[in-house]
Protein backbone atom coordinates (compact mmCIF):
# COMPACT_ATOMS: atom_id res chain seq x y z
CA MET A 1 7.78 45.27 8.83
CA LYS A 2 4.41 46.68 9.29
CA GLY A 3 0.60 45.25 8.80
CA ILE A 4 1.97 42.29 10.94
CA ASN A 5 0.79 40.84 14.41
CA TYR A 6 3.51 39.35 15.52
CA GLU A 7 1.08 39.00 18.89
CA ASN A 8 -1.60 36.55 16.81
CA ILE A 9 1.65 34.62 15.48
CA LEU A 10 2.82 33.86 18.83
CA TYR A 11 -0.45 33.01 20.38
CA ASP A 12 -1.38 30.93 17.46
CA THR A 13 1.49 29.13 17.16
CA LEU A 14 3.16 28.23 21.11
CA SER A 15 -0.31 28.66 22.44
CA GLN A 16 -1.70 25.36 24.73
CA GLU A 17 -4.63 26.85 22.71
CA ALA A 18 -3.28 26.40 19.40
CA ASN A 19 -1.48 22.60 20.30
CA LEU A 20 -3.42 19.50 21.23
CA PHE A 21 -0.91 17.27 22.58
CA VAL A 22 -1.17 13.14 21.87
CA ASN A 23 0.91 11.51 24.53
CA LYS A 24 3.54 8.74 22.51
CA LYS A 25 2.62 6.19 24.87
CA LEU A 26 -1.27 6.23 24.75
CA LEU A 27 -0.51 6.22 20.71
CA ALA A 28 1.23 3.32 21.26
CA GLN A 29 -1.60 1.60 23.26
CA LEU A 30 -4.50 2.82 21.97
CA GLU A 31 -5.73 3.16 18.60
CA SER A 32 -4.41 6.12 17.15
CA ASP A 33 -7.94 8.28 16.49
CA LEU A 34 -9.29 6.99 19.98
CA ALA A 35 -5.79 8.21 20.99
CA LEU A 36 -6.68 11.70 19.88
CA PHE A 37 -10.16 11.63 21.24
CA ILE A 38 -9.00 10.71 25.34
CA SER A 39 -6.03 13.96 24.36
CA PHE A 40 -8.97 16.16 23.06
CA LEU A 41 -11.10 15.78 26.27
CA ILE A 42 -7.83 16.00 28.34
CA ASP A 43 -7.75 19.67 26.38
CA LYS A 44 -11.16 20.09 26.68
CA GLY A 45 -11.64 19.09 30.31
CA ARG A 46 -8.52 21.60 31.67
CA TYR A 47 -10.58 23.70 29.68
CA HIS A 48 -13.49 23.99 32.05
CA LYS A 49 -11.66 23.35 34.75
CA LEU A 50 -9.62 26.75 34.31
CA ASN A 51 -12.94 28.37 33.45
CA ASP A 52 -15.20 26.80 36.30
CA GLY A 53 -17.34 24.76 34.29
CA LEU A 54 -17.36 21.43 35.83
CA THR A 55 -20.36 20.24 37.13
CA GLU A 56 -20.34 18.94 40.96
CA ASP A 57 -19.54 15.60 40.32
CA GLY A 58 -16.30 16.88 37.86
CA PHE A 59 -18.34 16.25 34.21
CA PHE A 60 -17.74 18.62 31.83
CA TYR A 61 -19.62 18.91 28.44
CA ALA A 62 -18.46 18.64 24.77
CA THR A 63 -20.51 17.64 21.66
CA ASN A 64 -20.18 15.83 18.47
CA GLU A 65 -19.78 18.15 16.29
CA ASP A 66 -17.20 19.71 18.33
CA ILE A 67 -15.04 16.75 18.48
CA TYR A 68 -15.64 16.69 14.80
CA LEU A 69 -14.24 19.78 14.23
CA PHE A 70 -11.31 20.09 16.01
CA THR A 71 -10.04 16.49 15.82
CA ARG A 72 -11.86 15.53 11.96
CA ILE A 73 -12.31 12.01 13.14
CA PRO A 74 -15.83 11.30 11.60
CA ARG A 75 -18.95 11.78 12.71
CA LYS A 76 -19.58 8.28 12.50
CA ARG A 77 -16.44 6.95 14.26
CA ILE A 78 -16.89 9.27 16.97
CA VAL A 79 -19.99 7.20 18.31
CA LYS A 80 -18.15 4.30 18.23
CA LEU A 81 -15.35 5.74 20.15
CA LYS A 82 -17.23 7.22 23.41
CA LYS A 83 -18.69 3.89 23.97
CA GLN A 84 -15.38 1.94 23.39
CA GLY A 85 -13.41 4.77 25.92
CA ALA A 86 -16.43 4.27 28.31
CA GLU A 87 -15.88 0.15 28.29
CA LEU A 88 -12.23 0.94 28.99
CA GLU A 89 -13.17 2.90 31.75
CA LEU A 90 -10.88 5.60 29.99
CA PHE A 91 -13.86 8.26 30.75
CA PHE A 92 -17.50 8.46 32.45
CA ILE A 93 -20.36 9.87 29.75
CA LYS A 94 -24.01 10.70 31.21
CA LYS A 95 -26.68 12.54 29.23
CA SER A 96 -28.07 15.27 30.81
CA SER A 97 -32.23 16.57 30.48
CA SER A 98 -30.90 20.38 30.07
CA SER A 99 -27.76 18.94 27.46
CA PHE A 100 -28.06 21.46 24.47
CA ASN A 101 -27.37 20.78 21.15
CA GLY A 102 -27.00 17.29 22.10
CA ALA A 103 -23.80 17.64 24.35
CA THR A 104 -22.50 14.62 26.21
CA TYR A 105 -20.99 15.00 29.54
CA TYR A 106 -18.04 13.36 30.48
CA LYS A 107 -15.60 12.32 33.26
CA LEU A 108 -11.96 11.59 32.36
CA ASN A 109 -10.72 8.21 34.69
CA PHE A 110 -7.13 10.06 35.38
CA GLU A 111 -5.51 7.30 37.14
CA LYS A 112 -6.61 4.30 34.24
CA ILE A 113 -5.19 7.05 31.96
CA LEU A 114 -2.76 7.89 33.87
CA GLU A 115 -1.55 4.15 33.97
CA ILE A 116 -1.01 3.74 30.76
CA ILE A 117 0.95 7.13 30.25
CA SER A 118 3.18 5.84 33.11
CA SER A 119 4.11 2.60 32.00
CA ASP A 120 7.93 1.91 32.66
CA LYS A 121 8.22 0.87 28.82
CA THR A 122 9.58 3.65 26.85
CA ALA A 123 6.93 4.51 24.37
CA MET A 124 9.76 3.02 21.33
CA GLU A 125 9.00 -0.77 23.23
CA LEU A 126 5.38 -0.12 23.49
CA ALA A 127 4.78 0.47 20.08
CA TYR A 128 6.96 -2.52 18.99
CA GLU A 129 4.98 -4.49 21.47
CA ALA A 130 1.55 -3.19 19.66
CA SER A 131 2.89 -3.75 15.97
CA ILE A 132 4.88 -6.98 16.34
CA PRO A 133 2.45 -10.48 17.57
CA ILE A 134 5.45 -12.09 20.09
CA THR A 135 5.30 -10.68 23.99
CA GLU A 136 7.98 -11.06 26.00
CA GLU A 137 5.97 -14.27 27.51
CA VAL A 138 5.92 -16.04 24.47
CA GLY A 139 9.65 -15.29 23.52
CA TYR A 140 11.53 -15.54 20.05
CA SER A 141 11.67 -19.40 19.47
CA GLU A 142 12.04 -21.02 16.33
CA GLU A 143 8.12 -21.67 15.95
CA THR A 144 7.15 -18.18 16.89
CA ILE A 145 9.49 -16.54 14.29
CA MET A 146 8.57 -18.63 11.27
CA LYS A 147 5.27 -17.27 11.65
CA LEU A 148 6.05 -13.77 11.03
CA SER A 149 5.89 -12.15 8.17
CA TYR A 150 8.76 -10.15 6.18
CA ARG A 151 7.39 -6.68 7.43
CA ASP A 152 6.85 -8.20 10.99
CA LEU A 153 10.82 -9.92 11.01
CA LYS A 154 12.12 -6.31 10.11
CA LEU A 155 10.35 -5.20 13.33
CA VAL A 156 11.82 -7.39 15.23
CA CYS A 157 15.33 -6.50 14.07
CA LYS A 158 14.84 -2.82 14.86
CA LYS A 159 13.51 -3.87 18.14
CA LEU A 160 16.74 -6.21 18.60
CA LYS A 161 18.94 -3.91 16.99
CA ILE A 162 19.65 -6.29 14.45
CA SER A 163 21.60 -4.72 11.46
CA TYR A 164 20.02 -6.17 8.22
CA LYS A 165 20.33 -5.12 4.52
CA GLY A 166 17.17 -4.21 2.39
CA THR A 167 18.35 -7.26 0.14
CA ASP A 168 18.11 -9.64 2.93
CA ARG A 169 15.65 -12.25 1.76
CA LYS A 170 12.90 -13.85 5.00
CA ILE A 171 14.91 -17.04 5.55
CA ASN A 172 18.23 -14.19 6.46
CA LEU A 173 16.40 -12.46 8.73
CA ILE A 174 15.10 -15.13 10.54
CA GLU A 175 18.67 -16.80 11.00
CA LYS A 176 19.59 -13.50 12.28
CA ILE A 177 16.98 -13.27 14.81
CA LEU A 178 17.72 -16.62 15.68
CA GLU A 179 21.43 -16.32 16.29
CA ASN A 180 20.87 -13.30 18.67
CA GLN A 181 18.61 -15.11 20.61
CA GLY A 182 21.34 -17.83 21.15
CA LEU A 183 19.41 -20.14 19.24
CA ASN A 184 20.51 -22.36 16.52
CA LYS A 185 20.27 -21.44 12.69
CA LEU A 186 17.03 -23.06 11.14
CA THR A 187 17.49 -27.18 11.59
CA PRO A 188 18.98 -29.08 8.45
CA GLU A 189 16.82 -31.87 7.00
CA VAL A 190 17.79 -34.90 9.58
CA SER A 191 19.47 -37.55 7.66
CA THR A 192 17.88 -41.47 8.09
CA GLY A 193 20.82 -43.20 7.12
CA GLY A 194 22.92 -44.42 9.99
CA GLN A 195 21.41 -46.52 12.44
CA GLU A 196 22.46 -44.81 15.39
CA LYS A 197 19.20 -41.98 13.92
CA CYS A 198 17.13 -44.65 14.69
CA GLN A 199 15.05 -46.40 17.16
CA LEU A 200 13.81 -50.19 17.96
CA VAL A 201 10.11 -50.09 18.96
CA ASP A 202 8.63 -52.52 21.67
CA THR A 203 9.77 -56.51 20.67
CA ARG A 204 6.32 -56.98 19.20
CA SER A 205 7.48 -54.62 15.73
CA ALA A 206 11.45 -55.18 16.59
CA ASN A 207 11.95 -55.49 12.45
CA ARG A 208 10.23 -51.58 12.51
CA LEU A 209 12.73 -48.35 12.61
CA THR A 210 11.48 -45.82 13.62
CA PRO A 211 13.09 -42.27 13.16
CA LYS A 212 13.52 -40.21 16.22
CA VAL A 213 12.42 -36.58 14.62
CA PRO A 214 8.92 -36.12 15.85
CA GLN A 215 5.97 -35.24 13.47
CA LYS A 216 5.99 -32.07 14.97
CA LYS A 217 9.14 -31.47 13.16
CA SER A 218 7.91 -32.45 9.42
CA LYS A 219 5.01 -29.85 10.11
CA GLU A 220 7.59 -26.80 10.88
CA LYS A 221 9.40 -28.23 7.73
CA ASN A 222 6.38 -27.58 5.68
CA GLN A 223 5.88 -24.11 7.05
CA ILE A 224 9.87 -23.16 6.09
CA GLU A 225 8.90 -24.22 2.67
CA LYS A 226 5.18 -22.12 2.90
CA ASN A 227 7.63 -19.23 4.38
CA GLN A 228 10.49 -19.91 1.11
CA ILE A 229 7.34 -19.12 -1.52
CA MET A 230 6.21 -16.24 0.28
CA GLU A 231 9.10 -14.53 0.87
CA GLU A 232 9.77 -13.97 -2.63
CA ASP A 233 6.32 -12.09 -2.89
CA ASP A 234 6.79 -10.43 0.10
CA PHE A 235 10.40 -9.39 -1.34
CA GLU A 236 8.90 -8.43 -4.68
CA ASN A 237 6.33 -6.07 -3.40
CA ASP A 238 8.28 -4.44 -1.17
CA PHE A 239 10.21 -3.72 -3.90
CA PHE A 240 8.11 -2.56 -6.43
CA GLU A 241 6.44 -0.40 -2.99
CA ASN A 242 9.78 1.40 -2.84
CA LEU A 243 10.11 1.68 -6.45
CA PHE A 244 6.83 3.40 -6.71
CA LYS A 245 7.76 5.93 -3.80
CA GLU A 246 11.25 6.99 -5.56
CA PHE A 247 8.96 7.87 -8.20
CA GLY A 248 5.95 9.87 -6.31
CA ILE A 249 3.12 7.54 -7.27
CA ASN A 250 0.80 5.39 -5.01
CA PHE A 251 1.22 1.65 -5.07
CA THR A 252 -2.39 1.14 -5.19
CA LYS A 253 -4.67 -2.24 -5.63
CA THR A 254 -4.40 -1.63 -9.58
CA ASN A 255 -0.93 -0.68 -9.57
CA LYS A 256 -0.04 -3.79 -8.12
CA ASP A 257 -2.27 -5.87 -10.04
CA SER A 258 -0.70 -4.65 -12.88
CA VAL A 259 3.07 -5.26 -11.65
CA LEU A 260 2.04 -8.89 -11.22
CA ARG A 261 0.58 -8.95 -14.55
CA ILE A 262 3.62 -7.83 -15.92
CA ARG A 263 6.01 -9.78 -14.19
CA LYS A 264 4.22 -13.17 -15.43
CA HIS A 265 6.41 -12.83 -18.60
CA LEU A 266 9.10 -10.58 -17.91
CA SER A 267 12.07 -10.75 -15.23
CA LEU A 268 12.84 -8.55 -11.96
CA GLN A 269 15.05 -6.56 -13.64
CA ASP A 270 13.15 -5.98 -16.80
CA THR A 271 9.92 -4.70 -15.24
CA GLU A 272 12.29 -2.50 -12.72
CA SER A 273 13.73 -1.33 -16.22
CA TYR A 274 10.36 -1.14 -18.36
CA LEU A 275 8.76 1.18 -14.84
CA ARG A 276 11.65 3.55 -15.12
CA GLU A 277 11.73 4.34 -18.51
CA THR A 278 7.63 4.46 -19.08
CA TYR A 279 7.93 6.70 -15.91
CA ILE A 280 11.04 9.06 -17.03
CA ALA A 281 9.69 9.47 -20.81
CA ILE A 282 6.10 10.49 -19.24
CA LYS A 283 7.84 12.90 -16.62
CA GLU A 284 9.76 14.59 -19.50
CA ASN A 285 6.55 15.17 -21.50
CA LYS A 286 5.67 18.68 -20.65
CA ASP A 287 2.47 17.98 -22.06
CA VAL A 288 1.10 15.80 -19.77
CA LYS A 289 -1.15 17.31 -17.19
CA ASN A 290 -1.09 13.86 -14.71
CA ILE A 291 1.99 12.14 -14.73
CA ALA A 292 0.32 9.37 -11.94
CA ALA A 293 -2.88 8.54 -14.07
CA LEU A 294 -0.79 7.85 -17.50
CA PHE A 295 1.63 6.28 -15.17
CA SER A 296 -1.20 4.07 -13.90
CA THR A 297 -2.77 3.84 -17.84
CA LYS A 298 0.09 3.05 -18.88
CA ILE A 299 1.28 -0.43 -17.13
CA ALA A 300 -1.87 -1.21 -16.88
CA LYS A 301 -2.11 -1.46 -21.19
CA GLU A 302 1.32 -2.85 -20.96
CA GLU A 303 2.62 0.17 -23.34
CA ARG A 304 4.97 2.18 -23.55
CA GLN A 305 5.13 5.95 -23.77
CA ILE A 306 6.02 7.80 -26.27
CA ASN A 307 7.83 10.89 -27.19
CA SER A 308 8.17 12.80 -30.55
CA LYS A 309 11.08 14.48 -29.88
CA LYS A 310 13.47 11.86 -28.46
CA ASN A 311 11.48 8.99 -30.86
CA LYS A 312 12.04 11.05 -34.49
CA GLU A 313 13.29 7.64 -35.44
CA TYR A 314 9.99 5.21 -34.22
CA THR A 315 8.35 4.36 -37.43
CA GLU A 316 5.65 1.02 -37.26
CA LYS A 317 7.48 -0.55 -34.05
CA ASN A 318 4.85 -1.53 -31.49
CA ASP A 319 4.02 0.36 -28.79
CA THR A 320 3.79 -2.18 -26.13
CA ILE A 321 5.53 -4.56 -24.29
CA GLU A 322 7.61 -7.59 -25.89
CA LYS A 323 5.88 -10.76 -24.92
CA PRO A 324 8.21 -14.11 -24.85
CA ILE A 325 8.03 -15.77 -28.73
CA GLU A 326 5.82 -18.90 -27.34
CA ILE A 327 2.96 -15.83 -27.03
CA GLU A 328 3.69 -14.34 -30.01
CA LYS A 329 3.77 -17.85 -32.43
CA ASN A 330 0.32 -18.88 -30.68
CA ASN A 331 -0.96 -14.91 -31.44
CA ASN A 332 0.20 -15.18 -35.10
CA THR A 333 -3.10 -17.46 -36.23
CA GLU A 334 -5.61 -15.00 -34.07
CA ARG A 335 -3.39 -11.87 -35.59
CA SER A 336 -4.18 -13.72 -39.29
CA THR A 337 -7.80 -13.77 -39.47
CA GLU A 338 -8.46 -10.15 -37.62
CA ILE A 339 -10.11 -7.89 -39.00
CA ASP A 340 -8.00 -4.75 -40.97
CA TYR A 341 -9.73 -2.00 -39.12
CA MET A 342 -7.67 0.24 -40.57
CA ALA A 343 -8.30 -0.36 -43.66
CA ILE A 344 -11.87 -0.17 -42.84
CA TYR A 345 -11.13 3.30 -42.09
CA GLU A 346 -9.70 4.56 -45.02
CA ASN A 347 -12.68 3.27 -47.01
CA LEU A 348 -15.25 5.30 -45.46
CA ASP A 349 -16.02 8.64 -47.08
CA ILE A 350 -14.44 11.74 -45.60
CA TYR A 351 -17.54 13.01 -43.16
CA ASP A 352 -17.14 9.84 -41.66
CA LYS A 353 -13.22 9.75 -40.97
CA LEU A 354 -13.23 12.96 -39.60
CA LYS A 355 -16.43 12.09 -37.24
CA ILE A 356 -14.09 8.65 -36.04
CA GLU A 357 -11.05 10.64 -36.29
CA GLU A 358 -12.63 13.18 -33.76
CA GLU A 359 -14.03 10.99 -31.61
CA ALA A 360 -10.74 8.92 -31.36
CA ILE A 361 -8.88 12.16 -30.42
CA ASN A 362 -10.93 12.97 -26.95
CA LEU A 363 -10.62 9.08 -26.20
CA LEU A 364 -6.94 9.94 -26.56
CA VAL A 365 -6.74 13.50 -24.78
CA GLN A 366 -9.25 12.01 -21.95
CA GLU A 367 -7.42 8.77 -21.09
CA GLN A 368 -3.67 9.63 -22.05
CA GLN A 369 -4.04 12.93 -20.66
CA ILE A 370 -2.55 14.81 -23.61
CA GLU A 371 -3.09 18.08 -24.96
CA GLU A 372 -4.80 17.84 -28.01
CA THR A 373 -2.93 20.70 -29.81
CA PHE A 374 0.48 18.28 -28.91
CA ILE A 375 -1.62 15.11 -31.29
CA LEU A 376 -3.22 17.59 -34.20
CA LYS A 377 0.96 18.97 -34.43
CA THR A 378 2.63 15.35 -34.33
CA LYS A 379 -0.32 14.60 -36.95
CA GLU A 380 1.20 17.54 -39.08
CA ALA A 381 4.62 16.72 -37.95
CA GLN A 382 5.56 12.90 -37.51
CA PRO A 383 2.51 11.04 -39.10
CA THR A 384 3.75 7.70 -38.53
CA ILE A 385 4.04 8.07 -35.20
CA TYR A 386 0.48 9.80 -34.82
CA ASN A 387 -1.21 7.05 -36.48
CA GLY A 388 0.60 4.69 -33.83
CA MET A 389 -0.87 6.63 -31.13
CA MET A 390 -4.04 6.44 -32.97
CA LYS A 391 -4.69 3.16 -34.47
CA SER A 392 -6.31 1.77 -31.00
CA TYR A 393 -8.75 4.73 -30.33
CA LEU A 394 -9.46 4.47 -34.09
CA LYS A 395 -11.00 0.81 -34.01
CA ARG A 396 -12.59 0.94 -30.87
CA VAL A 397 -14.57 4.37 -32.14
CA ILE A 398 -15.51 1.81 -35.43
CA LEU A 399 -16.45 -0.99 -33.41
CA LYS A 400 -18.87 1.35 -31.66
CA TYR A 401 -20.28 1.56 -34.96
CA ASN A 402 -21.54 -2.00 -36.00
CA SER A 403 -22.34 -0.09 -39.34
CA PHE A 404 -18.50 -0.19 -40.40
CA LYS A 405 -17.85 -3.81 -39.27
CA SER A 406 -19.29 -5.02 -42.59
CA VAL A 407 -16.89 -2.44 -44.79
CA VAL A 408 -13.69 -4.15 -45.61
């Protein structure tokens, strides 16, 4: 094919200069940006050596701007990494009076870096050690396992090659690990019935019986109870995080808080159904430009997505999530005394109505990411659905103009 420079393509993809290699063992034992920083210096040092650019004592220069340009490590972070690397003796640095553009002179500590890279352990073993807060010296005892989080327990299972299911709870993972290590499963409650479970104290307190179970056991039981409470939260967090990944939407703190609020009055299954239904409805609406933004807005307000084409039978039903009967009953008195803002709107003159409606439509477009043309078509074809869409926005605009509050 004409117009293609195959030589440039080959050099730009496969040459040493086109790639920056980061050793996996460096990544496992150092912070990711420090490992990238060291890799850049290794590449830079090699370049200067091949081009006779080293000083007499083996130093080479690199500016902070060069490091930022080729690694994208933030400039402020580069300053800290220089200090951190020097303290770990991964390299030595010095400033020269003849330095240009604020260049720093570096000299790699080859012995220290090779000590890390030449570890007898594999990169995977080192990565597990860095991720799991248990060392081989400490071992996997019942006491240490109980302190691990749900995610850490899954990492331990992977490291020890223990098969587990995504539906396994924290207690199941703990028992599998203990069993794998040849330890008994979690200690059951010790019965105090039967004299063989107790021992007599000295003769001065012969009538008192002291259980054999030491005080430490009660602390372990308390820890078990705490972990059992926490495991449900870990399980649900992972469940919804995976659900959002399936949707292709980030499980941000805002989305997580919204899900937690919904879970207060809906079961896990009903919450999942609501999230799926809302996401699918938004995705099927071709007028929605930003699915993730609208989805986050909807679940934050606990609203359902209403698409006119699929909901022609939808009349004056509420488009929010159904709350428990108890909540509805408690709100009845408030509803009976609530101001009828739609009645206020209908009693306004035509100019004020148009002004409020226009502002309400703008609010709806901004917050729901819906085309204005779609809203106007809905107004013409489905007035009932249009009124349901606009109700809360009309109320907000009316409240904005205090003069309308007195109109009933």
